[in-house]
Amino acid sequence: MRRPLSRHVPVILAAVIGLSGAPEARANDLAGPSAALDSPPVFKECRYRMSAAIRPLLFWIGDSDVGGARIVWRRGDDGRRGYEFLLGSDPTRAPRRINRWGFVREELRGDGATQIGLMRRTEEKSVEEAQANVGFEGEYVFKVIQTEIADDRARAENTVWLVQDDYTYHDVGELLRLVGTPPQSPPRVNEASMPPGTHPGFLFAVADLVDRVVDAANHEPRELLNEVTTRFNFNALAYELRLRKTKWEESKTYGDRQYENLVRIDFESNNPKRKTTERFTLVVGTEGEWKGVPVYVKYQPKWWFKAEGVIDESQVF
């Protein structure tokens, strides 16, 4: 059953990001590319081990370690703050050495916000089309979206990069330095006004709803939020993020750790242009070192497929 997994796992891992982009080099050099981009310093970091499974009939069959994920919180003394999310398959662990990954970085400052998204693309048609459009004979395709937001208006530049090396998520800093140079071809630009109250990115929207859920759960008596909706920008388009429901978990084990006083949150993200919906689940702590931190993530776009992540600090980025 590893064959269907090899086909679907990396695609879904990339889709979990759906958005992508941010800095970081090999060997945990957290200050590398981000420092060059004048990002605020790292405040907190969590790493995850990703697994994936399919259910052809009645039982789940899967691989328990196909890749990794990392969430980074950034905060500056000047009020700037940001988030980063890196997720993907690791060719040394994934079936058929498949390499799919994405990265997103979002930052908020006094006069506006920025967002960069990067995703590994491998479709043969994309390579051929990119070579024709870009005029560069690279073998591997990466899609990059860079967005500036100011005065409730977003401007997103979409570029396609062809490179000779098959970069993995361990090489994200190296690839970001490359896309910081002039693009290989003119970008495709999207511009739009954002509705009032729209978050500058997906990560900011999720963080806001998580904070609201944790605050409500810590009230006396405890309150569990349901049916809360907000908006976020991605590629100069206002998406809708809905908190569908929450559930209290007194004590539960995820991975090899047992956690106390958790909230399980079911989310739904809607793309108004394509009229598509993506659902995912986070389980977050409500106190101590895990307060507001996802200790478990799940993405299940089909009844027969799911990808999951648990805290694992041994993961290397």
C-alpha atoms as a PDB file:
ATOM      1  CA  MET A   1       0.000   0.000   0.000  1.00  0.00           C
ATOM      2  CA  ARG A   2       2.968   2.346  -0.092  1.00  0.00           C
ATOM      3  CA  ARG A   3       2.327   3.158  -3.711  1.00  0.00           C
ATOM      4  CA  PRO A   4      -0.817   5.268  -3.216  1.00  0.00           C
ATOM      5  CA  LEU A   5       0.781   6.906  -0.200  1.00  0.00           C
ATOM      6  CA  SER A   6       3.753   7.957  -2.273  1.00  0.00           C
ATOM      7  CA  ARG A   7       1.404   9.595  -4.713  1.00  0.00           C
ATOM      8  CA  HIS A   8      -0.796  11.469  -2.246  1.00  0.00           C
ATOM      9  CA  VAL A   9       1.242  12.184   0.896  1.00  0.00           C
ATOM     10  CA  PRO A  10       3.538  14.921  -0.452  1.00  0.00           C
ATOM     11  CA  VAL A  11       0.741  16.570  -2.390  1.00  0.00           C
ATOM     12  CA  ILE A  12      -1.346  16.917   0.743  1.00  0.00           C
ATOM     13  CA  LEU A  13       1.602  17.997   2.859  1.00  0.00           C
ATOM     14  CA  ALA A  14       2.116  20.835   0.425  1.00  0.00           C
ATOM     15  CA  ALA A  15      -1.599  21.594   0.371  1.00  0.00           C
ATOM     16  CA  VAL A  16      -1.666  21.943   4.156  1.00  0.00           C
ATOM     17  CA  ILE A  17       0.498  24.963   3.641  1.00  0.00           C
ATOM     18  CA  GLY A  18      -1.402  26.109   0.625  1.00  0.00           C
ATOM     19  CA  LEU A  19       0.490  29.303   1.220  1.00  0.00           C
ATOM     20  CA  SER A  20       4.223  29.323   1.672  1.00  0.00           C
ATOM     21  CA  GLY A  21       7.352  31.271   2.431  1.00  0.00           C
ATOM     22  CA  ALA A  22       9.891  32.393   5.025  1.00  0.00           C
ATOM     23  CA  PRO A  23      13.543  32.350   5.870  1.00  0.00           C
ATOM     24  CA  GLU A  24      15.836  29.909   7.488  1.00  0.00           C
ATOM     25  CA  ALA A  25      18.982  28.069   6.643  1.00  0.00           C
ATOM     26  CA  ARG A  26      20.365  24.598   7.252  1.00  0.00           C
ATOM     27  CA  ALA A  27      21.442  23.345  10.630  1.00  0.00           C
ATOM     28  CA  ASN A  28      18.903  25.442  12.533  1.00  0.00           C
ATOM     29  CA  ASP A  29      20.484  28.783  11.596  1.00  0.00           C
ATOM     30  CA  LEU A  30      17.450  30.729  12.765  1.00  0.00           C
ATOM     31  CA  ALA A  31      19.223  34.061  12.477  1.00  0.00           C
ATOM     32  CA  GLY A  32      20.492  33.510   8.928  1.00  0.00           C
ATOM     33  CA  PRO A  33      18.267  34.629   6.047  1.00  0.00           C
ATOM     34  CA  SER A  34      15.692  36.145   8.376  1.00  0.00           C
ATOM     35  CA  ALA A  35      18.272  38.446   9.878  1.00  0.00           C
ATOM     36  CA  ALA A  36      19.297  39.516   6.393  1.00  0.00           C
ATOM     37  CA  LEU A  37      15.650  40.364   5.732  1.00  0.00           C
ATOM     38  CA  ASP A  38      15.508  42.392   8.972  1.00  0.00           C
ATOM     39  CA  SER A  39      12.893  40.144  10.550  1.00  0.00           C
ATOM     40  CA  PRO A  40      12.163  40.454  14.282  1.00  0.00           C
ATOM     41  CA  PRO A  41      14.016  37.960  16.503  1.00  0.00           C
ATOM     42  CA  VAL A  42      12.745  34.465  17.263  1.00  0.00           C
ATOM     43  CA  PHE A  43      10.513  34.336  20.333  1.00  0.00           C
ATOM     44  CA  LYS A  44       9.482  30.675  20.203  1.00  0.00           C
ATOM     45  CA  GLU A  45       9.865  27.631  17.934  1.00  0.00           C
ATOM     46  CA  CYS A  46       8.137  24.232  17.774  1.00  0.00           C
ATOM     47  CA  ARG A  47       8.973  21.242  15.572  1.00  0.00           C
ATOM     48  CA  TYR A  48       6.713  18.437  14.428  1.00  0.00           C
ATOM     49  CA  ARG A  49       6.968  14.943  12.979  1.00  0.00           C
ATOM     50  CA  MET A  50       4.517  14.387  10.111  1.00  0.00           C
ATOM     51  CA  SER A  51       2.744  11.142   9.278  1.00  0.00           C
ATOM     52  CA  ALA A  52       0.186  10.273   6.624  1.00  0.00           C
ATOM     53  CA  ALA A  53      -2.295   7.483   6.003  1.00  0.00           C
ATOM     54  CA  ILE A  54      -4.947   6.229   3.602  1.00  0.00           C
ATOM     55  CA  ARG A  55      -8.067   4.158   4.307  1.00  0.00           C
ATOM     56  CA  PRO A  56      -8.810   1.989   1.233  1.00  0.00           C
ATOM     57  CA  LEU A  57     -11.490  -0.004   3.100  1.00  0.00           C
ATOM     58  CA  LEU A  58     -12.116  -0.079   6.861  1.00  0.00           C
ATOM     59  CA  PHE A  59      -8.622   0.397   8.268  1.00  0.00           C
ATOM     60  CA  TRP A  60      -5.996   3.126   8.109  1.00  0.00           C
ATOM     61  CA  ILE A  61      -2.671   2.215   6.471  1.00  0.00           C
ATOM     62  CA  GLY A  62       0.148   4.712   6.582  1.00  0.00           C
ATOM     63  CA  ASP A  63       3.681   5.893   7.181  1.00  0.00           C
ATOM     64  CA  SER A  64       4.456   7.326  10.613  1.00  0.00           C
ATOM     65  CA  ASP A  65       7.398   9.542   9.630  1.00  0.00           C
ATOM     66  CA  VAL A  66       7.319  11.030   6.136  1.00  0.00           C
ATOM     67  CA  GLY A  67       8.417  14.591   6.869  1.00  0.00           C
ATOM     68  CA  GLY A  68       8.443  17.460   9.295  1.00  0.00           C
ATOM     69  CA  ALA A  69       6.989  20.850  10.163  1.00  0.00           C
ATOM     70  CA  ARG A  70       8.149  23.873  12.107  1.00  0.00           C
ATOM     71  CA  ILE A  71       6.307  26.887  13.506  1.00  0.00           C
ATOM     72  CA  VAL A  72       8.288  29.989  14.496  1.00  0.00           C
ATOM     73  CA  TRP A  73       6.975  32.961  16.476  1.00  0.00           C
ATOM     74  CA  ARG A  74       8.886  36.262  16.056  1.00  0.00           C
ATOM     75  CA  ARG A  75       8.649  39.392  18.184  1.00  0.00           C
ATOM     76  CA  GLY A  76      10.607  42.655  18.240  1.00  0.00           C
ATOM     77  CA  ASP A  77      10.991  45.352  20.870  1.00  0.00           C
ATOM     78  CA  ASP A  78       9.692  47.865  18.312  1.00  0.00           C
ATOM     79  CA  GLY A  79       6.290  46.148  18.125  1.00  0.00           C
ATOM     80  CA  ARG A  80       6.978  44.143  14.984  1.00  0.00           C
ATOM     81  CA  ARG A  81       5.890  40.528  15.085  1.00  0.00           C
ATOM     82  CA  GLY A  82       5.536  37.618  12.739  1.00  0.00           C
ATOM     83  CA  TYR A  83       5.055  33.915  12.157  1.00  0.00           C
ATOM     84  CA  GLU A  84       6.698  31.288   9.981  1.00  0.00           C
ATOM     85  CA  PHE A  85       5.483  27.851   8.963  1.00  0.00           C
ATOM     86  CA  LEU A  86       7.575  25.240   7.156  1.00  0.00           C
ATOM     87  CA  LEU A  87       6.053  21.889   6.187  1.00  0.00           C
ATOM     88  CA  GLY A  88       6.960  19.121   3.807  1.00  0.00           C
ATOM     89  CA  SER A  89       8.047  15.619   2.980  1.00  0.00           C
ATOM     90  CA  ASP A  90      11.653  14.562   3.513  1.00  0.00           C
ATOM     91  CA  PRO A  91      13.049  12.609   0.515  1.00  0.00           C
ATOM     92  CA  THR A  92      15.208  10.535   2.865  1.00  0.00           C
ATOM     93  CA  ARG A  93      12.058   9.289   4.648  1.00  0.00           C
ATOM     94  CA  ALA A  94       9.128   9.657   2.242  1.00  0.00           C
ATOM     95  CA  PRO A  95       8.068   6.836  -0.112  1.00  0.00           C
ATOM     96  CA  ARG A  96       9.853   6.986  -3.470  1.00  0.00           C
ATOM     97  CA  ARG A  97      11.971   9.873  -2.091  1.00  0.00           C
ATOM     98  CA  ILE A  98       9.255  12.345  -3.002  1.00  0.00           C
ATOM     99  CA  ASN A  99      10.127  15.983  -2.287  1.00  0.00           C
ATOM    100  CA  ARG A 100       7.177  18.334  -1.726  1.00  0.00           C
ATOM    101  CA  TRP A 101       7.237  21.248   0.674  1.00  0.00           C
ATOM    102  CA  GLY A 102       6.176  24.812   1.313  1.00  0.00           C
ATOM    103  CA  PHE A 103       7.071  27.731   3.519  1.00  0.00           C
ATOM    104  CA  VAL A 104       5.175  30.841   4.631  1.00  0.00           C
ATOM    105  CA  ARG A 105       6.418  33.901   6.496  1.00  0.00           C
ATOM    106  CA  GLU A 106       4.193  36.765   7.609  1.00  0.00           C
ATOM    107  CA  GLU A 107       5.256  39.950   9.378  1.00  0.00           C
ATOM    108  CA  LEU A 108       3.334  42.890  10.764  1.00  0.00           C
ATOM    109  CA  ARG A 109       4.891  46.296  11.408  1.00  0.00           C
ATOM    110  CA  GLY A 110       3.605  49.757  12.198  1.00  0.00           C
ATOM    111  CA  ASP A 111       3.080  50.881   8.610  1.00  0.00           C
ATOM    112  CA  GLY A 112       1.882  47.642   7.025  1.00  0.00           C
ATOM    113  CA  ALA A 113       2.604  43.962   6.564  1.00  0.00           C
ATOM    114  CA  THR A 114       4.531  41.580   4.332  1.00  0.00           C
ATOM    115  CA  GLN A 115       4.038  37.977   3.323  1.00  0.00           C
ATOM    116  CA  ILE A 116       6.197  35.594   1.337  1.00  0.00           C
ATOM    117  CA  GLY A 117       5.064  32.175   0.211  1.00  0.00           C
ATOM    118  CA  LEU A 118       7.139  29.488  -1.439  1.00  0.00           C
ATOM    119  CA  MET A 119       6.053  26.078  -2.698  1.00  0.00           C
ATOM    120  CA  ARG A 120       7.871  23.233  -4.390  1.00  0.00           C
ATOM    121  CA  ARG A 121       6.200  22.235  -7.685  1.00  0.00           C
ATOM    122  CA  THR A 122       7.048  19.116  -9.692  1.00  0.00           C
ATOM    123  CA  GLU A 123       4.373  18.579 -12.346  1.00  0.00           C
ATOM    124  CA  GLU A 124       5.945  17.797 -15.724  1.00  0.00           C
ATOM    125  CA  LYS A 125       3.626  20.198 -17.499  1.00  0.00           C
ATOM    126  CA  SER A 126       4.642  22.969 -15.090  1.00  0.00           C
ATOM    127  CA  VAL A 127       8.323  22.409 -15.873  1.00  0.00           C
ATOM    128  CA  GLU A 128       7.745  22.559 -19.620  1.00  0.00           C
ATOM    129  CA  GLU A 129       5.510  25.611 -19.379  1.00  0.00           C
ATOM    130  CA  ALA A 130       7.922  27.354 -17.037  1.00  0.00           C
ATOM    131  CA  GLN A 131      10.882  26.715 -19.315  1.00  0.00           C
ATOM    132  CA  ALA A 132       8.938  28.195 -22.208  1.00  0.00           C
ATOM    133  CA  ASN A 133       7.738  31.217 -20.243  1.00  0.00           C
ATOM    134  CA  VAL A 134      10.864  31.938 -18.262  1.00  0.00           C
ATOM    135  CA  GLY A 135      13.425  30.995 -20.880  1.00  0.00           C
ATOM    136  CA  PHE A 136      15.559  29.188 -18.304  1.00  0.00           C
ATOM    137  CA  GLU A 137      16.532  25.545 -18.545  1.00  0.00           C
ATOM    138  CA  GLY A 138      16.203  24.604 -14.883  1.00  0.00           C
ATOM    139  CA  GLU A 139      14.751  21.217 -14.062  1.00  0.00           C
ATOM    140  CA  TYR A 140      12.909  21.974 -10.801  1.00  0.00           C
ATOM    141  CA  VAL A 141      10.027  24.416 -10.361  1.00  0.00           C
ATOM    142  CA  PHE A 142       9.316  26.623  -7.354  1.00  0.00           C
ATOM    143  CA  LYS A 143       6.421  29.050  -7.075  1.00  0.00           C
ATOM    144  CA  VAL A 144       6.910  32.237  -5.024  1.00  0.00           C
ATOM    145  CA  ILE A 145       4.319  34.793  -3.889  1.00  0.00           C
ATOM    146  CA  GLN A 146       5.493  38.036  -2.279  1.00  0.00           C
ATOM    147  CA  THR A 147       2.857  40.386  -0.888  1.00  0.00           C
ATOM    148  CA  GLU A 148       2.953  43.919   0.523  1.00  0.00           C
ATOM    149  CA  ILE A 149      -0.038  45.271   2.454  1.00  0.00           C
ATOM    150  CA  ALA A 150      -0.507  48.933   3.304  1.00  0.00           C
ATOM    151  CA  ASP A 151      -3.592  51.093   3.893  1.00  0.00           C
ATOM    152  CA  ASP A 152      -5.869  48.022   3.559  1.00  0.00           C
ATOM    153  CA  ARG A 153      -4.568  47.335   0.061  1.00  0.00           C
ATOM    154  CA  ALA A 154      -2.593  44.235  -0.953  1.00  0.00           C
ATOM    155  CA  ARG A 155      -0.178  43.857  -3.855  1.00  0.00           C
ATOM    156  CA  ALA A 156       1.047  40.328  -4.617  1.00  0.00           C
ATOM    157  CA  GLU A 157       3.791  39.395  -7.075  1.00  0.00           C
ATOM    158  CA  ASN A 158       3.763  35.801  -8.360  1.00  0.00           C
ATOM    159  CA  THR A 159       6.942  34.381  -9.858  1.00  0.00           C
ATOM    160  CA  VAL A 160       8.025  30.952 -11.039  1.00  0.00           C
ATOM    161  CA  TRP A 161      11.642  29.906 -10.509  1.00  0.00           C
ATOM    162  CA  LEU A 162      13.473  27.167 -12.360  1.00  0.00           C
ATOM    163  CA  VAL A 163      16.602  25.825 -10.674  1.00  0.00           C
ATOM    164  CA  GLN A 164      19.105  23.075 -11.364  1.00  0.00           C
ATOM    165  CA  ASP A 165      19.106  21.644  -7.823  1.00  0.00           C
ATOM    166  CA  ASP A 166      16.204  19.797  -6.227  1.00  0.00           C
ATOM    167  CA  TYR A 167      16.082  21.859  -3.029  1.00  0.00           C
ATOM    168  CA  THR A 168      14.453  20.234   0.030  1.00  0.00           C
ATOM    169  CA  TYR A 169      13.010  22.028   3.045  1.00  0.00           C
ATOM    170  CA  HIS A 170      16.477  21.798   4.593  1.00  0.00           C
ATOM    171  CA  ASP A 171      17.591  24.292   1.917  1.00  0.00           C
ATOM    172  CA  VAL A 172      14.858  26.898   2.386  1.00  0.00           C
ATOM    173  CA  GLY A 173      17.320  29.639   3.368  1.00  0.00           C
ATOM    174  CA  GLU A 174      19.414  29.039   0.263  1.00  0.00           C
ATOM    175  CA  LEU A 175      16.370  29.178  -2.000  1.00  0.00           C
ATOM    176  CA  LEU A 176      15.069  32.352  -0.336  1.00  0.00           C
ATOM    177  CA  ARG A 177      18.373  34.068  -0.956  1.00  0.00           C
ATOM    178  CA  LEU A 178      17.980  33.128  -4.623  1.00  0.00           C
ATOM    179  CA  VAL A 179      14.457  34.540  -4.924  1.00  0.00           C
ATOM    180  CA  GLY A 180      15.721  37.728  -3.294  1.00  0.00           C
ATOM    181  CA  THR A 181      17.565  38.430  -6.562  1.00  0.00           C
ATOM    182  CA  PRO A 182      15.857  39.841  -9.700  1.00  0.00           C
ATOM    183  CA  PRO A 183      13.251  37.336 -11.006  1.00  0.00           C
ATOM    184  CA  GLN A 184      13.881  35.195 -14.063  1.00  0.00           C
ATOM    185  CA  SER A 185      10.769  36.646 -15.734  1.00  0.00           C
ATOM    186  CA  PRO A 186       8.332  39.521 -15.012  1.00  0.00           C
ATOM    187  CA  PRO A 187       5.991  38.666 -12.122  1.00  0.00           C
ATOM    188  CA  ARG A 188       2.260  38.248 -12.431  1.00  0.00           C
ATOM    189  CA  VAL A 189       0.735  40.907 -10.177  1.00  0.00           C
ATOM    190  CA  ASN A 190      -2.527  40.790  -8.217  1.00  0.00           C
ATOM    191  CA  GLU A 191      -3.856  43.881  -6.437  1.00  0.00           C
ATOM    192  CA  ALA A 192      -6.963  44.377  -4.331  1.00  0.00           C
ATOM    193  CA  SER A 193      -8.412  46.290  -1.410  1.00  0.00           C
ATOM    194  CA  MET A 194      -8.867  44.210   1.733  1.00  0.00           C
ATOM    195  CA  PRO A 195     -12.114  44.409   3.740  1.00  0.00           C
ATOM    196  CA  PRO A 196     -11.677  46.138   7.119  1.00  0.00           C
ATOM    197  CA  GLY A 197     -10.442  43.770   9.800  1.00  0.00           C
ATOM    198  CA  THR A 198      -8.738  41.374   7.361  1.00  0.00           C
ATOM    199  CA  HIS A 199      -5.650  39.740   8.862  1.00  0.00           C
ATOM    200  CA  PRO A 200      -2.427  40.177   6.844  1.00  0.00           C
ATOM    201  CA  GLY A 201      -2.074  36.418   6.420  1.00  0.00           C
ATOM    202  CA  PHE A 202      -3.286  32.918   7.246  1.00  0.00           C
ATOM    203  CA  LEU A 203      -0.960  32.482  10.231  1.00  0.00           C
ATOM    204  CA  PHE A 204      -2.070  35.750  11.832  1.00  0.00           C
ATOM    205  CA  ALA A 205      -5.710  34.714  11.426  1.00  0.00           C
ATOM    206  CA  VAL A 206      -5.143  31.287  12.968  1.00  0.00           C
ATOM    207  CA  ALA A 207      -3.119  32.775  15.838  1.00  0.00           C
ATOM    208  CA  ASP A 208      -5.895  35.280  16.578  1.00  0.00           C
ATOM    209  CA  LEU A 209      -8.582  32.590  16.751  1.00  0.00           C
ATOM    210  CA  VAL A 210      -6.346  30.311  18.845  1.00  0.00           C
ATOM    211  CA  ASP A 211      -5.750  33.140  21.340  1.00  0.00           C
ATOM    212  CA  ARG A 212      -9.484  33.796  21.552  1.00  0.00           C
ATOM    213  CA  VAL A 213     -10.206  30.109  22.120  1.00  0.00           C
ATOM    214  CA  VAL A 214      -7.562  29.812  24.862  1.00  0.00           C
ATOM    215  CA  ASP A 215      -8.775  32.971  26.628  1.00  0.00           C
ATOM    216  CA  ALA A 216     -12.367  31.711  26.586  1.00  0.00           C
ATOM    217  CA  ALA A 217     -11.328  28.266  27.838  1.00  0.00           C
ATOM    218  CA  ASN A 218      -9.531  29.876  30.772  1.00  0.00           C
ATOM    219  CA  HIS A 219     -12.594  31.828  31.852  1.00  0.00           C
ATOM    220  CA  GLU A 220     -14.551  30.742  34.908  1.00  0.00           C
ATOM    221  CA  PRO A 221     -16.876  29.130  34.026  1.00  0.00           C
ATOM    222  CA  ARG A 222     -15.081  27.719  30.992  1.00  0.00           C
ATOM    223  CA  GLU A 223     -16.369  28.810  27.578  1.00  0.00           C
ATOM    224  CA  LEU A 224     -15.815  26.843  24.364  1.00  0.00           C
ATOM    225  CA  LEU A 225     -16.135  29.006  21.256  1.00  0.00           C
ATOM    226  CA  ASN A 226     -17.988  27.830  18.157  1.00  0.00           C
ATOM    227  CA  GLU A 227     -18.864  29.316  14.772  1.00  0.00           C
ATOM    228  CA  VAL A 228     -16.443  32.262  14.837  1.00  0.00           C
ATOM    229  CA  THR A 229     -15.397  33.717  11.475  1.00  0.00           C
ATOM    230  CA  THR A 230     -12.584  36.028  10.378  1.00  0.00           C
ATOM    231  CA  ARG A 231     -10.774  36.949   7.151  1.00  0.00           C
ATOM    232  CA  PHE A 232      -7.169  36.798   5.993  1.00  0.00           C
ATOM    233  CA  ASN A 233      -5.203  37.882   2.937  1.00  0.00           C
ATOM    234  CA  PHE A 234      -3.449  35.491   0.618  1.00  0.00           C
ATOM    235  CA  ASN A 235      -2.212  36.508  -2.832  1.00  0.00           C
ATOM    236  CA  ALA A 236      -4.265  39.732  -2.676  1.00  0.00           C
ATOM    237  CA  LEU A 237      -7.485  37.825  -2.095  1.00  0.00           C
ATOM    238  CA  ALA A 238      -9.540  37.858   1.111  1.00  0.00           C
ATOM    239  CA  TYR A 239     -10.106  34.287   2.316  1.00  0.00           C
ATOM    240  CA  GLU A 240     -12.516  33.335   5.078  1.00  0.00           C
ATOM    241  CA  LEU A 241     -11.352  31.362   8.116  1.00  0.00           C
ATOM    242  CA  ARG A 242     -14.054  29.826  10.274  1.00  0.00           C
ATOM    243  CA  LEU A 243     -13.687  28.239  13.687  1.00  0.00           C
ATOM    244  CA  ARG A 244     -16.289  25.478  13.397  1.00  0.00           C
ATOM    245  CA  LYS A 245     -16.208  24.018  16.905  1.00  0.00           C
ATOM    246  CA  THR A 246     -14.016  23.383  19.942  1.00  0.00           C
ATOM    247  CA  LYS A 247     -13.760  20.508  22.402  1.00  0.00           C
ATOM    248  CA  TRP A 248     -12.090  20.343  25.820  1.00  0.00           C
ATOM    249  CA  GLU A 249      -9.554  17.556  26.414  1.00  0.00           C
ATOM    250  CA  GLU A 250      -8.653  17.093  30.076  1.00  0.00           C
ATOM    251  CA  SER A 251      -5.699  14.802  29.373  1.00  0.00           C
ATOM    252  CA  LYS A 252      -4.490  13.166  26.184  1.00  0.00           C
ATOM    253  CA  THR A 253      -1.359  11.665  24.621  1.00  0.00           C
ATOM    254  CA  TYR A 254      -0.073  12.899  21.262  1.00  0.00           C
ATOM    255  CA  GLY A 255       3.075  11.316  19.909  1.00  0.00           C
ATOM    256  CA  ASP A 256       5.090  10.166  22.905  1.00  0.00           C
ATOM    257  CA  ARG A 257       3.900  12.912  25.289  1.00  0.00           C
ATOM    258  CA  GLN A 258       0.924  13.307  27.560  1.00  0.00           C
ATOM    259  CA  TYR A 259      -0.634  16.754  27.823  1.00  0.00           C
ATOM    260  CA  GLU A 260      -3.147  18.259  30.221  1.00  0.00           C
ATOM    261  CA  ASN A 261      -5.901  20.850  29.697  1.00  0.00           C
ATOM    262  CA  LEU A 262      -6.087  21.081  25.920  1.00  0.00           C
ATOM    263  CA  VAL A 263      -8.595  22.479  23.449  1.00  0.00           C
ATOM    264  CA  ARG A 264      -9.284  20.764  20.144  1.00  0.00           C
ATOM    265  CA  ILE A 265     -10.172  23.298  17.426  1.00  0.00           C
ATOM    266  CA  ASP A 266     -11.745  22.436  14.071  1.00  0.00           C
ATOM    267  CA  PHE A 267     -11.137  25.057  11.359  1.00  0.00           C
ATOM    268  CA  GLU A 268     -12.442  25.653   7.857  1.00  0.00           C
ATOM    269  CA  SER A 269     -10.769  27.878   5.254  1.00  0.00           C
ATOM    270  CA  ASN A 270     -12.773  29.105   2.249  1.00  0.00           C
ATOM    271  CA  ASN A 271     -11.404  30.395  -1.055  1.00  0.00           C
ATOM    272  CA  PRO A 272     -14.093  32.778  -2.392  1.00  0.00           C
ATOM    273  CA  LYS A 273     -12.686  32.820  -5.914  1.00  0.00           C
ATOM    274  CA  ARG A 274     -12.526  29.068  -6.468  1.00  0.00           C
ATOM    275  CA  LYS A 275     -15.347  28.357  -4.017  1.00  0.00           C
ATOM    276  CA  THR A 276     -13.305  25.612  -2.373  1.00  0.00           C
ATOM    277  CA  THR A 277     -13.063  24.640   1.290  1.00  0.00           C
ATOM    278  CA  GLU A 278     -10.190  23.137   3.296  1.00  0.00           C
ATOM    279  CA  ARG A 279     -10.603  21.747   6.805  1.00  0.00           C
ATOM    280  CA  PHE A 280      -7.954  21.170   9.444  1.00  0.00           C
ATOM    281  CA  THR A 281      -7.678  20.581  13.181  1.00  0.00           C
ATOM    282  CA  LEU A 282      -5.343  21.917  15.864  1.00  0.00           C
ATOM    283  CA  VAL A 283      -5.075  20.761  19.463  1.00  0.00           C
ATOM    284  CA  VAL A 284      -3.530  23.539  21.584  1.00  0.00           C
ATOM    285  CA  GLY A 285      -2.464  23.898  25.186  1.00  0.00           C
ATOM    286  CA  THR A 286      -4.190  26.366  27.514  1.00  0.00           C
ATOM    287  CA  GLU A 287      -1.526  26.806  30.213  1.00  0.00           C
ATOM    288  CA  GLY A 288       2.207  26.712  30.923  1.00  0.00           C
ATOM    289  CA  GLU A 289       4.751  26.212  28.157  1.00  0.00           C
ATOM    290  CA  TRP A 290       2.097  24.857  25.763  1.00  0.00           C
ATOM    291  CA  LYS A 291      -0.321  27.771  26.122  1.00  0.00           C
ATOM    292  CA  GLY A 292      -1.524  28.678  22.627  1.00  0.00           C
ATOM    293  CA  VAL A 293       0.859  26.138  21.034  1.00  0.00           C
ATOM    294  CA  PRO A 294      -0.441  23.402  18.701  1.00  0.00           C
ATOM    295  CA  VAL A 295       0.665  20.021  20.080  1.00  0.00           C
ATOM    296  CA  TYR A 296      -1.199  18.137  17.343  1.00  0.00           C
ATOM    297  CA  VAL A 297      -2.244  19.050  13.808  1.00  0.00           C
ATOM    298  CA  LYS A 298      -4.446  17.159  11.356  1.00  0.00           C
ATOM    299  CA  TYR A 299      -5.450  17.773   7.767  1.00  0.00           C
ATOM    300  CA  GLN A 300      -8.004  15.394   6.229  1.00  0.00           C
ATOM    301  CA  PRO A 301      -9.286  16.637   2.859  1.00  0.00           C
ATOM    302  CA  LYS A 302     -10.856  13.262   1.988  1.00  0.00           C
ATOM    303  CA  TRP A 303     -12.500  10.565   4.075  1.00  0.00           C
ATOM    304  CA  TRP A 304      -9.786   8.170   2.892  1.00  0.00           C
ATOM    305  CA  PHE A 305      -6.710  10.353   3.459  1.00  0.00           C
ATOM    306  CA  LYS A 306      -5.212  12.262   6.394  1.00  0.00           C
ATOM    307  CA  ALA A 307      -1.918  13.882   7.384  1.00  0.00           C
ATOM    308  CA  GLU A 308      -1.020  14.415  11.039  1.00  0.00           C
ATOM    309  CA  GLY A 309       1.756  16.079  13.031  1.00  0.00           C
ATOM    310  CA  VAL A 310       2.913  15.779  16.638  1.00  0.00           C
ATOM    311  CA  ILE A 311       5.579  17.651  18.628  1.00  0.00           C
ATOM    312  CA  ASP A 312       9.033  16.180  17.995  1.00  0.00           C
ATOM    313  CA  GLU A 313      11.988  18.402  18.840  1.00  0.00           C
ATOM    314  CA  SER A 314      14.407  15.903  17.250  1.00  0.00           C
ATOM    315  CA  GLN A 315      13.321  17.020  13.772  1.00  0.00           C
ATOM    316  CA  VAL A 316      16.154  18.831  11.970  1.00  0.00           C
ATOM    317  CA  PHE A 317      15.665  21.877   9.741  1.00  0.00           C
END
